[in-house]
N, C-alpha and C. Protein backbone atom coordinates (compact mmCIF):
# COMPACT_ATOMS: atom_id res chain seq x y z
N UNK A 1 -19.22 3.81 -29.02
CA UNK A 1 -19.26 2.41 -28.85
C UNK A 1 -19.23 2.09 -27.09
N UNK A 2 -20.05 1.51 -26.83
CA UNK A 2 -20.02 1.41 -25.45
C UNK A 2 -19.13 -0.25 -24.64
N UNK A 3 -18.31 -0.06 -23.55
CA UNK A 3 -17.37 -0.46 -22.90
C UNK A 3 -17.11 -2.12 -23.46
N UNK A 4 -18.13 -1.89 -23.09
CA UNK A 4 -18.94 -3.60 -23.09
C UNK A 4 -19.03 -4.19 -24.58
N UNK A 5 -19.06 -3.92 -25.25
CA UNK A 5 -19.43 -4.13 -26.40
C UNK A 5 -17.82 -4.49 -27.30
N UNK A 6 -16.74 -3.68 -26.71
CA UNK A 6 -15.27 -3.69 -26.83
C UNK A 6 -14.37 -5.25 -26.73
N UNK A 7 -15.51 -5.55 -25.53
CA UNK A 7 -14.51 -6.60 -24.91
C UNK A 7 -14.38 -8.04 -26.16
N UNK A 8 -15.89 -8.60 -26.31
CA UNK A 8 -15.29 -9.29 -27.76
C UNK A 8 -14.45 -8.93 -29.27
N UNK A 9 -14.45 -7.76 -29.23
CA UNK A 9 -13.38 -7.51 -29.69
C UNK A 9 -11.98 -7.88 -29.48
N UNK A 10 -11.79 -7.10 -28.94
CA UNK A 10 -10.46 -7.82 -28.38
C UNK A 10 -9.90 -9.02 -28.02
N UNK A 11 -10.86 -9.69 -27.84
CA UNK A 11 -10.34 -10.89 -27.38
C UNK A 11 -10.12 -11.66 -29.38
N UNK A 12 -11.60 -11.41 -30.20
CA UNK A 12 -12.07 -11.79 -31.13
C UNK A 12 -10.56 -11.54 -31.68
N UNK A 13 -9.70 -10.08 -31.64
CA UNK A 13 -7.89 -9.76 -32.33
C UNK A 13 -6.77 -10.78 -31.90
N UNK A 14 -7.22 -11.00 -30.26
CA UNK A 14 -6.18 -11.38 -29.59
C UNK A 14 -6.44 -13.22 -30.41
N UNK A 15 -7.58 -13.64 -30.22
CA UNK A 15 -7.65 -14.76 -30.83
C UNK A 15 -6.83 -15.06 -32.15
N UNK A 16 -6.91 -13.76 -32.68
CA UNK A 16 -6.58 -14.11 -34.56
C UNK A 16 -4.98 -14.07 -34.33
N UNK A 17 -4.69 -13.13 -33.91
CA UNK A 17 -2.96 -12.82 -33.04
C UNK A 17 -2.24 -14.16 -32.89
N UNK A 18 -2.93 -15.36 -31.90
CA UNK A 18 -2.14 -16.04 -32.04
C UNK A 18 -2.24 -17.17 -32.93
N UNK A 19 -2.85 -17.04 -33.59
CA UNK A 19 -3.61 -17.64 -34.84
C UNK A 19 -2.40 -17.94 -35.57
N UNK A 20 -2.38 -16.68 -36.30
CA UNK A 20 -1.12 -15.86 -36.64
C UNK A 20 -0.01 -16.33 -36.51
N UNK A 21 -0.23 -15.81 -35.46
CA UNK A 21 1.64 -16.21 -34.52
C UNK A 21 1.92 -17.39 -34.84
N UNK A 22 1.47 -18.51 -34.67
CA UNK A 22 1.14 -20.24 -33.89
C UNK A 22 1.73 -20.30 -35.99
N UNK A 23 1.19 -20.04 -36.61
CA UNK A 23 1.01 -19.97 -38.46
C UNK A 23 2.53 -19.74 -38.66
N UNK A 24 2.82 -18.60 -38.62
CA UNK A 24 4.12 -18.42 -39.09
C UNK A 24 5.18 -18.15 -38.32
N UNK A 25 5.20 -18.99 -37.27
CA UNK A 25 6.31 -19.09 -35.92
C UNK A 25 7.70 -19.66 -37.04
N UNK A 26 8.51 -18.76 -36.81
CA UNK A 26 9.68 -19.71 -36.92
C UNK A 26 10.53 -20.89 -35.92
N UNK A 27 9.55 -21.48 -35.69
CA UNK A 27 10.72 -22.76 -35.01
C UNK A 27 8.99 -23.87 -35.29
N UNK A 28 9.17 -25.25 -34.89
CA UNK A 28 8.28 -26.30 -35.30
C UNK A 28 7.68 -25.79 -33.79
N UNK A 29 6.76 -26.56 -33.15
CA UNK A 29 5.28 -26.47 -33.05
C UNK A 29 5.60 -27.06 -31.74
N UNK A 30 6.95 -28.22 -31.46
CA UNK A 30 7.59 -28.42 -29.85
C UNK A 30 8.27 -27.28 -29.74
N UNK A 31 9.22 -26.90 -30.46
CA UNK A 31 9.31 -25.70 -30.05
C UNK A 31 9.41 -24.19 -29.73
N UNK A 32 8.14 -23.85 -30.00
CA UNK A 32 7.53 -22.61 -29.81
C UNK A 32 6.35 -23.19 -28.48
N UNK A 33 5.72 -24.40 -28.13
CA UNK A 33 5.60 -24.98 -27.09
C UNK A 33 6.68 -24.46 -25.70
N UNK A 34 7.67 -25.01 -26.59
CA UNK A 34 8.70 -24.75 -25.18
C UNK A 34 9.37 -23.66 -24.74
N UNK A 35 9.06 -22.60 -25.98
CA UNK A 35 9.78 -21.45 -25.79
C UNK A 35 8.98 -20.74 -24.67
N UNK A 36 7.18 -20.56 -25.31
CA UNK A 36 6.07 -19.69 -24.72
C UNK A 36 6.06 -20.97 -22.84
N UNK A 37 6.23 -22.18 -22.80
CA UNK A 37 6.59 -22.31 -21.67
C UNK A 37 7.72 -21.99 -20.63
N UNK A 38 8.82 -21.69 -21.34
CA UNK A 38 9.89 -21.15 -20.52
C UNK A 38 8.83 -19.64 -20.62
N UNK A 39 8.90 -18.99 -21.44
CA UNK A 39 8.30 -17.37 -21.04
C UNK A 39 7.54 -17.25 -20.30
N UNK A 40 6.51 -17.89 -20.03
CA UNK A 40 5.04 -17.17 -19.33
C UNK A 40 6.06 -17.97 -17.66
N UNK A 41 7.11 -19.05 -17.37
CA UNK A 41 7.53 -19.34 -16.17
C UNK A 41 8.62 -18.12 -15.70
N UNK A 42 8.98 -17.45 -16.92
CA UNK A 42 9.85 -16.25 -16.67
C UNK A 42 8.94 -14.85 -15.94
N UNK A 43 8.34 -14.79 -16.85
CA UNK A 43 7.20 -13.74 -16.73
C UNK A 43 6.03 -14.03 -14.96
N UNK A 44 5.89 -15.09 -14.84
CA UNK A 44 5.27 -15.85 -13.51
C UNK A 44 6.19 -15.70 -12.59
N UNK A 45 7.59 -16.00 -12.60
CA UNK A 45 8.59 -15.64 -11.73
C UNK A 45 9.01 -14.13 -11.11
N UNK A 46 9.15 -13.68 -12.82
CA UNK A 46 8.90 -11.68 -12.19
C UNK A 46 7.79 -10.96 -11.61
N UNK A 47 6.45 -11.76 -11.74
CA UNK A 47 5.72 -11.13 -10.82
C UNK A 47 5.25 -11.72 -9.41
N UNK A 48 5.88 -12.92 -9.56
CA UNK A 48 6.48 -13.61 -8.44
C UNK A 48 7.24 -12.57 -7.33
N UNK A 49 8.31 -12.04 -8.01
CA UNK A 49 9.53 -11.20 -7.34
C UNK A 49 8.96 -9.80 -7.51
N UNK A 50 8.12 -9.51 -7.72
CA UNK A 50 7.62 -7.92 -7.80
C UNK A 50 6.68 -8.02 -6.77
N UNK A 51 5.91 -9.00 -6.94
CA UNK A 51 4.87 -9.30 -5.75
C UNK A 51 5.07 -9.12 -4.54
N UNK A 52 6.38 -9.83 -4.18
CA UNK A 52 6.77 -9.89 -3.18
C UNK A 52 7.39 -8.35 -2.18
N UNK A 53 8.71 -7.78 -3.61
CA UNK A 53 9.01 -6.42 -3.42
C UNK A 53 7.69 -5.53 -2.89
N UNK A 54 6.72 -5.49 -3.31
CA UNK A 54 5.70 -4.99 -3.04
C UNK A 54 5.09 -5.27 -2.06
N UNK A 55 4.71 -6.46 -1.29
CA UNK A 55 4.40 -6.83 -0.19
C UNK A 55 5.62 -6.43 0.90
N UNK A 56 7.12 -6.43 0.65
CA UNK A 56 7.87 -5.95 1.65
C UNK A 56 7.78 -4.38 2.21
N UNK A 57 7.67 -3.74 1.30
CA UNK A 57 7.55 -2.14 1.03
C UNK A 57 6.70 -1.78 1.45
N UNK A 58 4.98 -2.55 1.34
CA UNK A 58 3.79 -1.79 1.94
C UNK A 58 4.05 -2.60 3.44
N UNK A 59 4.45 -3.84 4.12
CA UNK A 59 4.74 -3.68 4.93
C UNK A 59 6.06 -3.17 6.10
N UNK A 60 6.89 -2.49 5.29
CA UNK A 60 7.62 -1.03 5.71
C UNK A 60 7.09 -0.35 6.64
N UNK A 61 6.85 0.71 4.73
CA UNK A 61 5.27 1.76 5.37
C UNK A 61 4.13 1.46 6.08
N UNK A 62 4.02 0.44 6.89
CA UNK A 62 3.04 0.19 7.83
C UNK A 62 3.69 -0.01 8.83
N UNK A 63 4.51 -0.35 8.74
CA UNK A 63 5.44 -0.56 10.71
C UNK A 63 5.80 1.20 10.56
N UNK A 64 6.27 1.72 9.40
CA UNK A 64 6.33 3.66 10.28
C UNK A 64 5.30 4.11 10.25
N UNK A 65 3.96 3.81 9.68
CA UNK A 65 2.90 4.66 10.34
C UNK A 65 2.60 4.19 11.43
N UNK A 66 2.82 2.71 12.30
CA UNK A 66 2.42 2.78 12.95
C UNK A 66 3.31 3.26 14.19
N UNK A 67 4.57 3.36 14.13
CA UNK A 67 5.81 4.06 14.96
C UNK A 67 5.23 5.56 15.03
N UNK A 68 4.72 5.99 13.46
CA UNK A 68 4.88 7.49 13.80
C UNK A 68 3.79 7.71 14.83
N UNK A 69 2.39 6.87 14.70
CA UNK A 69 1.57 7.27 15.51
C UNK A 69 1.18 7.25 16.49
N UNK A 70 2.66 6.30 17.08
CA UNK A 70 2.84 6.03 18.89
C UNK A 70 2.92 6.74 19.16
N UNK A 71 4.90 7.62 18.16
CA UNK A 71 5.30 8.29 18.97
C UNK A 71 4.63 10.11 18.54
N UNK A 72 3.48 10.33 17.76
CA UNK A 72 2.52 11.46 18.02
C UNK A 72 1.79 11.36 19.42
N UNK A 73 1.39 10.03 19.35
CA UNK A 73 0.17 9.64 20.74
C UNK A 73 1.15 9.96 21.69
N UNK A 74 1.78 9.41 21.84
CA UNK A 74 3.11 9.77 23.20
C UNK A 74 3.17 11.46 23.15
N UNK A 75 3.93 12.13 22.29
CA UNK A 75 4.06 13.48 22.43
C UNK A 75 2.35 14.36 22.92
N UNK A 76 1.58 13.72 22.29
CA UNK A 76 0.49 14.48 23.14
C UNK A 76 -0.11 14.48 23.94
N UNK A 77 0.12 13.18 24.63
CA UNK A 77 -0.45 12.82 25.95
C UNK A 77 0.99 13.46 26.82
N UNK A 78 2.23 13.32 26.29
CA UNK A 78 2.65 15.04 27.28
C UNK A 78 2.33 15.60 27.25
N UNK A 79 2.22 16.66 26.23
CA UNK A 79 2.17 18.06 25.92
C UNK A 79 0.13 18.36 27.03
N UNK A 80 -0.43 16.90 26.97
CA UNK A 80 -1.91 17.37 27.65
C UNK A 80 -1.29 17.17 29.44
N UNK A 81 -0.47 16.27 29.55
CA UNK A 81 -0.02 16.65 30.88
C UNK A 81 1.02 17.34 31.63
N UNK A 82 1.90 17.83 30.27
CA UNK A 82 1.98 19.02 30.79
C UNK A 82 1.50 20.44 30.94
N UNK A 83 0.35 20.55 30.17
CA UNK A 83 -0.85 21.71 30.64
C UNK A 83 -1.60 21.48 31.98
N UNK A 84 -1.99 19.77 32.29
CA UNK A 84 -2.55 20.01 33.57
C UNK A 84 -1.66 21.14 34.73
N UNK A 85 -0.62 19.98 34.32
CA UNK A 85 0.57 20.83 35.67
C UNK A 85 0.78 22.26 35.81
N UNK A 86 0.54 22.88 34.54
CA UNK A 86 0.56 24.33 34.21
C UNK A 86 -0.07 24.79 35.16
N UNK A 87 -1.63 24.12 34.97
CA UNK A 87 -3.11 25.19 35.35
C UNK A 87 -2.84 24.23 37.12
N UNK A 88 -2.48 23.44 37.49
CA UNK A 88 -1.99 23.41 38.80
C UNK A 88 -1.45 23.32 39.73
N UNK A 89 0.31 24.68 38.59
CA UNK A 89 0.74 25.41 39.28
C UNK A 89 -0.36 26.96 39.46
N UNK A 90 -0.64 26.86 38.41
CA UNK A 90 -0.95 28.44 38.43
C UNK A 90 -2.38 28.52 39.35
N UNK A 91 -3.06 27.56 39.47
CA UNK A 91 -3.85 27.55 40.68
C UNK A 91 -3.76 27.47 42.00
N UNK A 92 -2.50 26.75 42.08
CA UNK A 92 -1.41 27.07 43.29
C UNK A 92 -1.32 28.05 43.50
N UNK A 93 -0.62 29.15 42.88
CA UNK A 93 -0.01 30.25 42.93
C UNK A 93 -0.93 31.44 44.23
N UNK A 94 -2.52 31.10 43.38
CA UNK A 94 -2.98 32.53 43.16
C UNK A 94 -3.34 32.53 45.49
N UNK A 95 -3.21 33.84 45.55
CA UNK A 95 -3.53 33.76 46.83
C UNK A 95 -4.79 33.14 47.00
N UNK A 96 -4.51 32.92 48.56
CA UNK A 96 -5.41 32.69 49.90
C UNK A 96 -6.85 32.73 49.59
N UNK A 97 -6.87 33.85 49.54
CA UNK A 97 -8.13 35.09 49.38
C UNK A 97 -9.04 34.46 48.38
N UNK A 98 -8.54 34.35 47.14
CA UNK A 98 -8.83 34.67 46.01
C UNK A 98 -9.65 33.28 45.43
N UNK A 99 -11.39 33.03 45.16
CA UNK A 99 -11.59 31.99 44.75
C UNK A 99 -10.65 31.01 43.93
N UNK A 100 -10.94 29.36 44.40
CA UNK A 100 -10.35 28.06 42.80
C UNK A 100 -10.95 27.85 42.37
N UNK A 101 -10.56 27.83 40.60
CA UNK A 101 -11.27 27.72 39.95
C UNK A 101 -11.36 25.66 39.94
N UNK A 102 -11.82 24.90 39.54
CA UNK A 102 -12.08 23.63 40.16
C UNK A 102 -10.98 22.79 39.26
N UNK A 103 -10.32 21.99 39.80
CA UNK A 103 -9.78 20.91 38.26
C UNK A 103 -10.16 20.07 37.49
N UNK A 104 -10.04 20.17 36.34
CA UNK A 104 -10.93 18.86 35.87
C UNK A 104 -9.70 18.38 34.66
C-alpha cells in the first residue's frame, strides 16, 4: 500500500475514535469539553517549556562551538607565526657565504 493512501484511513480511524470516545465518555459534554481544554492547555505549556529548553540548549551549543573555533583559530595563527619565526632564525644562522632562500 502506498504512503499516500494510508493517510485517509488514519484520519477515518481518528475520527471514529473521537466519536466513540465522546459517546462513551463518563462525564457530561460540558465536563468533557472542560477536560479537553485543560489537557490541551497543559500539553501546549509542556511543549512550550520543552521548546524553550531545546532553544537554550541549542544556543549554548552554538556558543561553545564559536568559542572552540576561535580558540582553534588562535592556536593555528600562533603555530603559523612560530613556524615563520623558526624559519627566519634558521635562515639568519646560515653562513654569510651561503645563498639564502627568500622569505615567504
